[in-house]
Protein backbone atom coordinates (compact mmCIF):
# COMPACT_ATOMS: atom_id res chain seq x y z
CA MET A 1 0.00 0.00 0.01
CA THR A 2 1.46 3.33 -1.01
CA ALA A 3 1.19 6.54 0.98
CA ARG A 4 -1.31 7.93 -1.47
CA GLU A 5 -3.58 4.87 -1.10
CA PHE A 6 -3.26 5.01 2.67
CA ILE A 7 -4.29 8.67 2.74
CA ARG A 8 -7.11 8.07 0.27
CA ASN A 9 -8.47 5.19 2.36
CA HIS A 10 -8.15 6.86 5.76
CA ALA A 11 -8.65 10.58 5.13
CA TYR A 12 -12.41 10.70 5.75
CA PRO A 13 -12.39 8.71 9.00
CA VAL A 14 -9.50 10.82 10.34
CA LEU A 15 -11.23 14.07 9.40
CA ALA A 16 -14.54 12.85 10.86
CA THR A 17 -12.82 11.93 14.12
CA ALA A 18 -11.06 15.29 14.30
CA SER A 19 -14.32 17.11 13.61
CA THR A 20 -16.19 15.16 16.28
CA LEU A 21 -13.47 15.75 18.86
CA SER A 22 -13.45 19.47 18.07
CA PHE A 23 -17.22 19.63 18.49
CA ILE A 24 -17.03 17.88 21.86
CA LEU A 25 -14.23 20.14 23.12
CA ILE A 26 -16.11 23.27 22.07
CA ALA A 27 -19.27 22.03 23.77
CA ILE A 28 -17.34 21.31 26.99
CA SER A 29 -15.69 24.72 26.91
CA LEU A 30 -19.12 26.42 26.67
CA LEU A 31 -20.49 24.73 29.80
CA PRO A 32 -19.27 27.47 32.21
CA ILE A 33 -20.99 30.11 30.07
CA ALA A 34 -24.22 28.13 30.11
CA HIS A 35 -23.98 27.82 33.90
CA TRP A 36 -23.38 31.57 34.28
CA ALA A 37 -26.32 32.39 31.97
CA ARG A 38 -28.63 30.11 33.98
CA ASN A 39 -27.58 31.84 37.19
CA GLN A 40 -28.11 35.27 35.63
CA ASN A 41 -31.61 34.35 34.48
CA ASP A 42 -32.51 33.00 37.91
CA CYS A 43 -31.19 36.15 39.58
CA ILE A 44 -33.08 38.44 37.20
CA GLU A 45 -36.32 36.53 37.77
CA ARG A 46 -35.94 36.76 41.57
CA THR A 47 -34.91 40.42 41.64
CA PHE A 48 -37.71 42.90 42.11
CA ARG A 49 -36.99 46.38 40.83
CA SER A 50 -39.47 48.53 39.06
CA ASP A 51 -39.52 52.09 37.81
CA GLY A 52 -43.28 52.07 37.31
CA THR A 53 -43.16 50.59 33.82
CA ASN A 54 -42.84 47.01 32.70
CA ASN A 55 -39.48 47.23 30.93
CA ALA A 56 -37.76 50.09 32.75
CA GLY A 57 -36.66 47.80 35.58
CA MET A 58 -34.79 45.28 33.42
CA PRO A 59 -31.50 47.22 33.10
CA SER A 60 -31.38 47.78 36.84
CA LYS A 61 -32.07 44.07 37.47
CA VAL A 62 -29.21 43.06 35.19
CA TRP A 63 -26.96 45.65 36.79
CA SER A 64 -27.84 44.36 40.25
CA CYS A 65 -27.25 40.71 39.29
CA ASN A 66 -23.84 41.56 37.84
CA GLY A 67 -22.68 42.94 41.16
CA GLY A 68 -23.63 46.58 40.85
CA GLY A 69 -25.72 48.53 43.24
CA ASN A 70 -26.75 47.73 46.76
């Protein structure tokens, strides 16, 4: 078997394996961001701040959940 035949016969499985491993590593690296986003959403839902309108309180809720304010 020549090198060209070896590459031709094994190129797709090697590329598929590399692609799958890359996908898994990227998914694992995004887990901390998903955890942070879940915590942020929970905090925003529990925080009660209102300026008298429905949407005016959202920026202050986000600000409070990110460590700002009292």
